[in-house]
Structure formats: structure tokens, C-alpha cells
C-alpha atoms as a PDB file:
ATOM      1  CA  GLY A   1       6.551   5.918 107.018  1.00  0.00           C
ATOM      2  CA  ARG A   2       4.250   7.126 104.441  1.00  0.00           C
ATOM      3  CA  SER A   3       0.787   8.342 105.468  1.00  0.00           C
ATOM      4  CA  GLU A   4      -2.205   6.865 104.621  1.00  0.00           C
ATOM      5  CA  GLU A   5      -2.781   9.657 102.214  1.00  0.00           C
ATOM      6  CA  ASP A   6       0.626   9.367 100.209  1.00  0.00           C
ATOM      7  CA  ARG A   7       0.021   5.722  99.829  1.00  0.00           C
ATOM      8  CA  GLN A   8      -3.890   6.463  98.299  1.00  0.00           C
ATOM      9  CA  MET A   9      -1.720   8.959  95.534  1.00  0.00           C
ATOM     10  CA  ALA A  10       0.631   6.910  94.959  1.00  0.00           C
ATOM     11  CA  TYR A  11      -1.572   3.851  94.467  1.00  0.00           C
ATOM     12  CA  HIS A  12      -4.121   6.213  92.201  1.00  0.00           C
ATOM     13  CA  ASP A  13      -0.649   7.177  90.365  1.00  0.00           C
ATOM     14  CA  ARG A  14      -0.047   3.554  89.709  1.00  0.00           C
ATOM     15  CA  ILE A  15      -3.041   3.036  88.236  1.00  0.00           C
ATOM     16  CA  ASP A  16      -3.019   6.283  85.819  1.00  0.00           C
ATOM     17  CA  ARG A  17       0.343   5.309  84.490  1.00  0.00           C
ATOM     18  CA  GLY A  18      -0.145   1.716  83.997  1.00  0.00           C
ATOM     19  CA  MET A  19      -3.547   1.640  82.103  1.00  0.00           C
ATOM     20  CA  PRO A  20      -3.731   2.259  78.293  1.00  0.00           C
ATOM     21  CA  SER A  21      -5.533   5.874  77.422  1.00  0.00           C
ATOM     22  CA  PHE A  22      -8.349   3.931  75.581  1.00  0.00           C
ATOM     23  CA  LEU A  23      -9.667   2.206  78.829  1.00  0.00           C
ATOM     24  CA  LYS A  24      -9.801   5.198  80.420  1.00  0.00           C
ATOM     25  CA  ASP A  25     -12.729   6.518  81.866  1.00  0.00           C
ATOM     26  CA  ASP A  26     -12.535   9.820  79.147  1.00  0.00           C
ATOM     27  CA  ASN A  27     -11.722   7.620  76.726  1.00  0.00           C
ATOM     28  CA  VAL A  28     -13.880   4.273  76.558  1.00  0.00           C
ATOM     29  CA  ARG A  29     -16.111   3.700  73.789  1.00  0.00           C
ATOM     30  CA  ASP A  30     -17.836   0.423  72.723  1.00  0.00           C
ATOM     31  CA  GLY A  31     -16.736  -1.297  69.331  1.00  0.00           C
ATOM     32  CA  ASP A  32     -18.777   0.938  67.165  1.00  0.00           C
ATOM     33  CA  GLY A  33     -17.524   3.999  69.149  1.00  0.00           C
ATOM     34  CA  ARG A  34     -20.528   4.809  71.104  1.00  0.00           C
ATOM     35  CA  ARG A  35     -19.805   6.259  74.678  1.00  0.00           C
ATOM     36  CA  PRO A  36     -21.413   5.034  77.643  1.00  0.00           C
ATOM     37  CA  ASP A  37     -24.061   7.108  77.763  1.00  0.00           C
ATOM     38  CA  HIS A  38     -25.562   6.139  74.592  1.00  0.00           C
ATOM     39  CA  ASP A  39     -28.825   4.312  74.483  1.00  0.00           C
ATOM     40  CA  ASP A  40     -27.277   1.631  72.214  1.00  0.00           C
ATOM     41  CA  TYR A  41     -23.829   1.102  74.457  1.00  0.00           C
ATOM     42  CA  ASP A  42     -22.553  -2.223  73.931  1.00  0.00           C
ATOM     43  CA  PRO A  43     -20.858  -2.731  77.442  1.00  0.00           C
ATOM     44  CA  THR A  44     -19.145  -6.260  75.869  1.00  0.00           C
ATOM     45  CA  THR A  45     -16.839  -4.358  73.539  1.00  0.00           C
ATOM     46  CA  PHE A  46     -14.746  -1.441  73.626  1.00  0.00           C
ATOM     47  CA  TYR A  47     -13.158   0.251  70.560  1.00  0.00           C
ATOM     48  CA  LEU A  48      -9.417   0.381  69.680  1.00  0.00           C
ATOM     49  CA  SER A  49      -7.718   2.070  67.554  1.00  0.00           C
ATOM     50  CA  ASP A  50      -5.476   0.003  64.351  1.00  0.00           C
ATOM     51  CA  THR A  51      -2.508   2.558  65.643  1.00  0.00           C
ATOM     52  CA  ALA A  52      -3.055   1.665  69.157  1.00  0.00           C
ATOM     53  CA  TYR A  53      -3.605  -2.145  68.696  1.00  0.00           C
ATOM     54  CA  ASN A  54      -0.548  -2.103  66.696  1.00  0.00           C
ATOM     55  CA  SER A  55       1.432  -1.077  69.313  1.00  0.00           C
ATOM     56  CA  TYR A  56       1.644  -4.092  71.103  1.00  0.00           C
ATOM     57  CA  THR A  57       3.674  -7.038  71.101  1.00  0.00           C
ATOM     58  CA  GLU A  58       1.803 -10.117  69.675  1.00  0.00           C
ATOM     59  CA  ILE A  59       1.051 -12.079  72.662  1.00  0.00           C
ATOM     60  CA  MET A  60      -0.628  -8.702  73.513  1.00  0.00           C
ATOM     61  CA  ARG A  61      -2.707  -8.563  70.685  1.00  0.00           C
ATOM     62  CA  GLN A  62      -3.755 -12.009  71.045  1.00  0.00           C
ATOM     63  CA  TYR A  63      -4.984 -10.773  74.829  1.00  0.00           C
ATOM     64  CA  LEU A  64      -6.978  -7.926  72.835  1.00  0.00           C
ATOM     65  CA  ASP A  65      -8.495  -9.491  70.037  1.00  0.00           C
ATOM     66  CA  ILE A  66     -10.289 -11.369  73.065  1.00  0.00           C
ATOM     67  CA  LYS A  67     -10.822  -8.811  75.260  1.00  0.00           C
ATOM     68  CA  ARG A  68     -12.345  -5.822  73.262  1.00  0.00           C
ATOM     69  CA  VAL A  69     -14.841  -8.664  72.908  1.00  0.00           C
ATOM     70  CA  ASN A  70     -15.230  -9.675  76.496  1.00  0.00           C
ATOM     71  CA  PHE A  71     -15.112  -5.747  78.224  1.00  0.00           C
ATOM     72  CA  ASP A  72     -17.356  -7.314  80.266  1.00  0.00           C
ATOM     73  CA  LYS A  73     -15.635 -10.240  81.550  1.00  0.00           C
ATOM     74  CA  ILE A  74     -12.509 -10.927  83.848  1.00  0.00           C
ATOM     75  CA  ILE A  75      -9.870 -12.413  81.603  1.00  0.00           C
ATOM     76  CA  ILE A  76      -7.340 -14.802  82.734  1.00  0.00           C
ATOM     77  CA  PHE A  77      -4.835 -14.859  80.008  1.00  0.00           C
ATOM     78  CA  ARG A  78      -2.405 -17.780  80.077  1.00  0.00           C
ATOM     79  CA  VAL A  79       1.178 -17.426  79.671  1.00  0.00           C
ATOM     80  CA  ALA A  80       3.390 -20.418  80.133  1.00  0.00           C
ATOM     81  CA  GLY A  81       2.609 -21.183  83.764  1.00  0.00           C
ATOM     82  CA  TRP A  82       1.263 -17.658  84.701  1.00  0.00           C
ATOM     83  CA  HIS A  83      -2.060 -16.443  84.852  1.00  0.00           C
ATOM     84  CA  ALA A  84      -1.945 -13.067  83.557  1.00  0.00           C
ATOM     85  CA  ILE A  85      -4.538 -10.433  84.239  1.00  0.00           C
ATOM     86  CA  PHE A  86      -4.318  -6.852  82.556  1.00  0.00           C
ATOM     87  CA  TRP A  87      -5.760  -3.124  83.533  1.00  0.00           C
ATOM     88  CA  ASP A  88      -9.047  -2.806  84.720  1.00  0.00           C
ATOM     89  CA  ASP A  89      -9.434  -6.882  85.593  1.00  0.00           C
ATOM     90  CA  ALA A  90      -6.068  -6.436  87.418  1.00  0.00           C
ATOM     91  CA  ILE A  91      -7.602  -3.650  89.578  1.00  0.00           C
ATOM     92  CA  VAL A  92     -10.971  -5.395  90.471  1.00  0.00           C
ATOM     93  CA  VAL A  93      -8.743  -8.737  91.166  1.00  0.00           C
ATOM     94  CA  HIS A  94      -6.411  -6.654  93.436  1.00  0.00           C
ATOM     95  CA  LYS A  95      -9.177  -5.606  95.818  1.00  0.00           C
ATOM     96  CA  VAL A  96     -11.378  -8.727  95.558  1.00  0.00           C
ATOM     97  CA  LEU A  97      -8.507 -11.735  96.169  1.00  0.00           C
ATOM     98  CA  GLY A  98      -5.742  -9.303  97.418  1.00  0.00           C
ATOM     99  CA  LEU A  99      -3.394 -10.180  94.627  1.00  0.00           C
ATOM    100  CA  GLU A 100      -0.405  -7.578  94.891  1.00  0.00           C
ATOM    101  CA  LEU A 101      -0.541  -4.974  91.504  1.00  0.00           C
ATOM    102  CA  GLY A 102       2.791  -4.951  89.588  1.00  0.00           C
ATOM    103  CA  GLY A 103       3.900  -3.224  86.430  1.00  0.00           C
ATOM    104  CA  TRP A 104       4.066   0.729  85.929  1.00  0.00           C
ATOM    105  CA  GLU A 105       4.206   0.807  82.366  1.00  0.00           C
ATOM    106  CA  ARG A 106       1.391  -2.159  82.187  1.00  0.00           C
ATOM    107  CA  LEU A 107      -0.938  -2.487  85.276  1.00  0.00           C
ATOM    108  CA  SER A 108      -1.151  -6.248  85.607  1.00  0.00           C
ATOM    109  CA  THR A 109      -1.743  -9.425  88.331  1.00  0.00           C
ATOM    110  CA  GLY A 110      -1.186 -12.837  88.467  1.00  0.00           C
ATOM    111  CA  PHE A 111      -0.885 -16.593  89.706  1.00  0.00           C
ATOM    112  CA  VAL A 112       0.759 -19.480  89.152  1.00  0.00           C
ATOM    113  CA  LYS A 113      -1.595 -21.953  91.301  1.00  0.00           C
ATOM    114  CA  GLY A 114      -4.975 -21.534  92.491  1.00  0.00           C
ATOM    115  CA  LEU A 115      -7.343 -21.031  89.185  1.00  0.00           C
ATOM    116  CA  GLU A 116     -10.590 -22.520  90.586  1.00  0.00           C
ATOM    117  CA  GLU A 117     -10.422 -21.266  94.104  1.00  0.00           C
ATOM    118  CA  TYR A 118      -9.675 -17.784  92.323  1.00  0.00           C
ATOM    119  CA  THR A 119     -12.190 -18.193  89.921  1.00  0.00           C
ATOM    120  CA  ARG A 120     -14.864 -19.324  92.464  1.00  0.00           C
ATOM    121  CA  VAL A 121     -14.267 -15.985  94.611  1.00  0.00           C
ATOM    122  CA  LEU A 122     -14.824 -14.266  91.736  1.00  0.00           C
ATOM    123  CA  VAL A 123     -17.586 -15.654  90.356  1.00  0.00           C
ATOM    124  CA  ASP A 124     -19.647 -15.662  93.788  1.00  0.00           C
ATOM    125  CA  GLU A 125     -18.880 -12.037  94.047  1.00  0.00           C
ATOM    126  CA  GLY A 126     -21.138 -11.259  90.908  1.00  0.00           C
ATOM    127  CA  TYR A 127     -18.254 -11.441  88.108  1.00  0.00           C
ATOM    128  CA  SER A 128     -17.950 -13.236  84.745  1.00  0.00           C
ATOM    129  CA  VAL A 129     -14.591 -14.881  84.632  1.00  0.00           C
ATOM    130  CA  ALA A 130     -13.046 -15.813  80.898  1.00  0.00           C
ATOM    131  CA  ILE A 131     -10.284 -18.480  80.652  1.00  0.00           C
ATOM    132  CA  VAL A 132      -7.722 -18.174  78.045  1.00  0.00           C
ATOM    133  CA  GLU A 133      -5.801 -21.234  77.574  1.00  0.00           C
ATOM    134  CA  GLN A 134      -2.787 -21.648  75.312  1.00  0.00           C
ATOM    135  CA  TYR A 135      -2.622 -24.751  73.487  1.00  0.00           C
ATOM    136  CA  THR A 136       0.385 -27.392  72.475  1.00  0.00           C
ATOM    137  CA  PRO A 137       2.351 -26.268  69.684  1.00  0.00           C
ATOM    138  CA  ASN A 138       1.638 -28.020  66.459  1.00  0.00           C
ATOM    139  CA  GLU A 139       4.830 -29.434  64.478  1.00  0.00           C
ATOM    140  CA  SER A 140       5.328 -26.969  61.757  1.00  0.00           C
ATOM    141  CA  ASP A 141       6.578 -28.394  58.452  1.00  0.00           C
ATOM    142  CA  ASP A 142      10.534 -27.892  59.160  1.00  0.00           C
ATOM    143  CA  GLY A 143       9.849 -30.130  62.424  1.00  0.00           C
ATOM    144  CA  ASP A 144      10.266 -27.011  64.544  1.00  0.00           C
ATOM    145  CA  SER A 145       7.599 -26.219  66.858  1.00  0.00           C
ATOM    146  CA  ASP A 146       5.655 -23.477  67.819  1.00  0.00           C
ATOM    147  CA  CYS A 147       6.712 -21.482  71.020  1.00  0.00           C
ATOM    148  CA  ASP A 148       6.292 -18.311  72.611  1.00  0.00           C
ATOM    149  CA  GLU A 149      10.417 -18.473  73.410  1.00  0.00           C
ATOM    150  CA  ASP A 150      12.428 -19.835  71.701  1.00  0.00           C
ATOM    151  CA  ASN A 151      16.193 -19.186  71.253  1.00  0.00           C
ATOM    152  CA  ASN A 152      17.190 -22.079  69.434  1.00  0.00           C
ATOM    153  CA  LYS A 153      19.527 -21.041  66.620  1.00  0.00           C
ATOM    154  CA  LYS A 154      20.100 -22.506  63.097  1.00  0.00           C
ATOM    155  CA  LYS A 155      23.682 -22.144  61.141  1.00  0.00           C
ATOM    156  CA  THR A 156      23.389 -19.886  58.061  1.00  0.00           C
ATOM    157  CA  LYS A 157      25.742 -20.400  54.881  1.00  0.00           C
ATOM    158  CA  SER A 158      28.904 -18.768  56.142  1.00  0.00           C
ATOM    159  CA  GLY A 159      28.377 -20.989  59.254  1.00  0.00           C
ATOM    160  CA  ARG A 160      27.154 -18.104  61.487  1.00  0.00           C
ATOM    161  CA  LYS A 161      24.098 -19.227  63.696  1.00  0.00           C
ATOM    162  CA  LYS A 162      21.326 -16.816  63.662  1.00  0.00           C
ATOM    163  CA  LYS A 163      18.080 -17.097  65.935  1.00  0.00           C
ATOM    164  CA  LYS A 164      15.234 -18.714  64.809  1.00  0.00           C
ATOM    165  CA  GLN A 165      12.176 -16.737  64.595  1.00  0.00           C
ATOM    166  CA  LYS A 166       9.988 -17.160  67.205  1.00  0.00           C
ATOM    167  CA  LYS A 167       6.089 -18.740  66.893  1.00  0.00           C
ATOM    168  CA  ILE A 168       3.295 -17.620  69.119  1.00  0.00           C
ATOM    169  CA  LEU A 169       0.954 -20.320  70.635  1.00  0.00           C
ATOM    170  CA  ARG A 170      -2.420 -20.354  69.984  1.00  0.00           C
ATOM    171  CA  ARG A 171      -4.680 -18.537  72.244  1.00  0.00           C
ATOM    172  CA  GLU A 172      -8.686 -18.897  72.829  1.00  0.00           C
ATOM    173  CA  VAL A 173     -11.259 -18.855  75.262  1.00  0.00           C
ATOM    174  CA  ASP A 174     -11.734 -22.396  76.940  1.00  0.00           C
ATOM    175  CA  ARG A 175     -14.888 -21.534  78.929  1.00  0.00           C
ATOM    176  CA  ILE A 176     -16.329 -18.439  80.271  1.00  0.00           C
ATOM    177  CA  LEU A 177     -17.787 -19.330  83.737  1.00  0.00           C
ATOM    178  CA  THR A 178     -20.804 -17.240  85.553  1.00  0.00           C
ATOM    179  CA  LYS A 179     -22.827 -18.302  88.643  1.00  0.00           C
ATOM    180  CA  GLY A 180     -24.864 -20.376  86.271  1.00  0.00           C
ATOM    181  CA  THR A 181     -22.586 -22.275  84.496  1.00  0.00           C
ATOM    182  CA  LEU A 182     -19.722 -22.654  87.018  1.00  0.00           C
ATOM    183  CA  VAL A 183     -20.175 -26.688  87.340  1.00  0.00           C
ATOM    184  CA  ASP A 184     -16.779 -28.156  86.396  1.00  0.00           C
ATOM    185  CA  ILE A 185     -15.092 -27.238  89.798  1.00  0.00           C
ATOM    186  CA  ASP A 186     -15.582 -28.055  92.676  1.00  0.00           C
ATOM    187  CA  ALA A 187     -18.342 -25.269  94.047  1.00  0.00           C
ATOM    188  CA  ASP A 188     -21.987 -25.229  94.947  1.00  0.00           C
ATOM    189  CA  TYR A 189     -23.224 -23.163  91.214  1.00  0.00           C
ATOM    190  CA  HIS A 190     -26.161 -24.346  89.350  1.00  0.00           C
ATOM    191  CA  THR A 191     -28.600 -22.818  87.388  1.00  0.00           C
ATOM    192  CA  ARG A 192     -31.489 -20.839  89.719  1.00  0.00           C
ATOM    193  CA  TRP A 193     -35.102 -20.847  87.565  1.00  0.00           C
ATOM    194  CA  LEU A 194     -38.226 -19.394  88.761  1.00  0.00           C
ATOM    195  CA  MET A 195     -41.298 -19.878  86.978  1.00  0.00           C
ATOM    196  CA  THR A 196     -44.701 -18.054  86.486  1.00  0.00           C
ATOM    197  CA  VAL A 197     -47.614 -19.350  84.780  1.00  0.00           C
ATOM    198  CA  VAL A 198     -50.772 -17.127  83.812  1.00  0.00           C
ATOM    199  CA  VAL A 199     -53.715 -18.750  82.588  1.00  0.00           C
ATOM    200  CA  THR A 200     -56.068 -17.086  80.918  1.00  0.00           C
ATOM    201  CA  ASN A 201     -59.599 -17.733  79.678  1.00  0.00           C
ATOM    202  CA  GLU A 202     -59.246 -16.044  76.172  1.00  0.00           C
ATOM    203  CA  GLU A 203     -58.384 -19.309  73.902  1.00  0.00           C
ATOM    204  CA  SER A 204     -57.210 -21.120  77.129  1.00  0.00           C
ATOM    205  CA  LYS A 205     -53.812 -20.183  77.130  1.00  0.00           C
ATOM    206  CA  PHE A 206     -51.110 -20.596  79.104  1.00  0.00           C
ATOM    207  CA  HIS A 207     -48.516 -18.179  79.084  1.00  0.00           C
ATOM    208  CA  VAL A 208     -44.753 -18.977  81.023  1.00  0.00           C
ATOM    209  CA  PHE A 209     -42.560 -16.702  82.324  1.00  0.00           C
ATOM    210  CA  LEU A 210     -38.808 -18.485  83.114  1.00  0.00           C
ATOM    211  CA  LEU A 211     -36.271 -16.498  84.617  1.00  0.00           C
ATOM    212  CA  ASP A 212     -32.865 -18.113  85.322  1.00  0.00           C
ATOM    213  CA  VAL A 213     -31.604 -15.887  88.493  1.00  0.00           C
ATOM    214  CA  SER A 214     -27.954 -16.828  88.442  1.00  0.00           C
ATOM    215  CA  ARG A 215     -27.619 -14.945  84.963  1.00  0.00           C
ATOM    216  CA  THR A 216     -30.803 -12.887  84.827  1.00  0.00           C
ATOM    217  CA  LEU A 217     -32.017 -14.482  81.431  1.00  0.00           C
ATOM    218  CA  MET A 218     -35.905 -14.653  81.129  1.00  0.00           C
ATOM    219  CA  TYR A 219     -37.457 -16.834  78.576  1.00  0.00           C
ATOM    220  CA  GLN A 220     -40.957 -16.727  77.883  1.00  0.00           C
ATOM    221  CA  GLY A 221     -43.945 -18.614  75.535  1.00  0.00           C
ATOM    222  CA  THR A 222     -47.643 -19.486  75.040  1.00  0.00           C
ATOM    223  CA  LEU A 223     -49.078 -22.610  75.396  1.00  0.00           C
ATOM    224  CA  GLU A 224     -52.460 -23.684  74.312  1.00  0.00           C
ATOM    225  CA  ASP A 225     -55.130 -25.885  75.722  1.00  0.00           C
ATOM    226  CA  ASN A 226     -58.691 -27.225  75.755  1.00  0.00           C
ATOM    227  CA  HIS A 227     -61.365 -24.799  77.574  1.00  0.00           C
ATOM    228  CA  TYR A 228     -61.494 -28.089  79.753  1.00  0.00           C
ATOM    229  CA  PHE A 229     -57.689 -27.393  80.601  1.00  0.00           C
ATOM    230  CA  ASN A 230     -57.030 -31.408  80.775  1.00  0.00           C
END
């Protein structure tokens, strides 16, 4: 059998081949073209040229529209009965959940069942997860349903059948889950608060600081009272 070194080389080769150039470390930029070492770098976005964007299928362009404004989240992307995870997200899911990596040209992984369980583990590990759902087709004007795969055919005037044009299902982010928001599945996650109150003699003011430790969000404000604090 292969040595551990050979297996590691094959693993990294697969990642290199299956990762698009715009997501490789040397090329990553935010939506405004800033590198990660820039003071104003936005980690929630990434830059994608029009040429690269248009080289993908329509379904993958749906994915990219969502991913490039949610770059800091793991995207679980619904395609029919499959929950697909691509590229850098697939690597994380492979390491955390142990799901097998697939695809040489497009690094990916995924699953059919277990969304709640897998999501719970990812959130518990500190990741934010965006669940992308597909929506039931609407009836079009000619009575045909939108679908990703449609092999129905219609006859032309010459009597030949022509393939009906495919219409892509609408897909949108259904919910974003973190330790502070994961309340719709059976998991013990709730918003966790720390509060500090500072009282000053100056004009009888209270300074209140609230920290949501599950999402690292902080709020602050000032309250005024009379000098008796009653």
C-alpha cells in the first residue's frame, strides 16, 4: 500500500486541483479587491471576475452569488435531495465531520440525510453555517414547471420533438446558524449574555455594557438618574 507521505501528497494534490484559482491563498481578495493583510479587508466577501463567474453553470452561479457575500460561512447548498458543500467549505466539513471529499475539477462533499446533526457539530466547533434551500417551482405561463432537470419534449411544426428549455429553481439562504441563533433544532444553544454596569458620580450616569458571548457582539449605552439613584 501507499505510505502516509504518498497519501498526504495525493490529498494536497486533490485540493490544489479542485480549488478554483480565485479561492487559493495567493489570489484571495475581498469584494473590493483588498488582500487579507489590508486594514479594511472584508472577510465576509471575495472577489470574482466576470469571466470566471460566467464560466460556471447557472446552478453554480446561484451558489457563487450566495457564497461571495457569505465567505465567512459554510454554505450548505440544496440541489434536489442532496446537500452540497464546495471548495474550501468542503475541506472544513471533511475535517470536522469526516465526510469524503469528491471531485477533481470541483472539490466537494455533501450528504442526503443528517442536516440537523451535521449542522449542530459545525456550529459547536465555532463555524457559522448558511443553509441554502431550493423552492417549489411556480407554474409558468405555458403551464410548465420550473425545474433543474427537465427532459420533457414538445413537437415542432415539422413533427420533430425538441427539448424543452431548462429553468433553474430559485435558491436562497433560508437561515444562518451560529451558537447564538441555533434554536430551531434540538440543540442546547441560546444567546449568552454578560453585563457590566459602571456607575459614575458625574451627573448620576449609569454606563451599561452588554456582551453576547455566543456571537461576540457588544452593545453599550448610558442611562441617567437623579443623584439619589432612586
